[in-house]
Amino acid sequence: MGFAYRFGDSFTQSNLGQLVAPLGCLLNDDAIVDLHRIQHHYPLECYFETDRDMMPLTWAAAGVNVLRWRSMATFTILPGSHIRPLVLSPGGACISYNRTHRYVSFQSHPVAVAGTYGAGRFALFGGPHAFETGQLGLLAETSNARFLENVVRWLCRMVLRNWTRQSPGPARTTSPCGIKPNNAGMTLHTSNQLVTARKPSLWSNGSFWKVTSFAPSACPSGNPEPPQILSKKT
């Protein structure tokens, strides 16, 4: 999972755009702003919402009605890439303002994308606030928690399937990589930390986490490896 920030690398002075380009998309130096709500909210507390019509993938929209986001960057999907938009911005009065090129777009743009790279899967988001639990976090709002659970399940599906095939005998409750299904969604054990799909504050720090690092072949039994942080926002 990868998290950018509003106005992309032009604001954070990071290199996330360079990391995601080989995956088949570009991180734009823009931010989505709701022109109606920004008149009544402090800019950092302003938000916009997307409904099911803005979620093209059926598995991502399962059980989701409305998602709430803070201002965030968008992506441009390159032709021929194995990437699909997870969520699109509403467009219209919910504009995209590009900080580098100084232009405004009233069109709808991908604010979250998902795809495959080799045998792995990834999901990229233009901002972290929808999955945070802090003062500006929106995880408890609308259907954000259910949406995150859908994404984590999709990312880990191949890992769990491969682990099941490689694990004959009585079913185990936890994989060699520390991936444990439970009633609240996926639970990932990483070193001495516990991260759940419903409390992903550790996931939402602007880092790019390589989910495929949970592959059973990469983790010695009983000694799960932490996700590899490839880039972190400043």
Foldseek 3Di string as FASTA:
>chain_A
DFEAFALGCVVLVWCVQVVCVVQFKGWARKKWAQQVQVVPDPLQQGKDKDAPVFAPDPLLCVVAGMAIGHIFTFMGGHPPGFKDAGGKGPFASRWIANPPVGDIGRDITRQKMKGDDVPAIDIYGRAQQCQADDPNHNLVPGCSLVSLLSVVCVRCVVQVVVQVVVDDDDDDQAGQQGWGADPSHIWGDAAPDIADSSHHNVVHQRWGWGSCCSRNVNGDGPGHHHTDTPIGGD
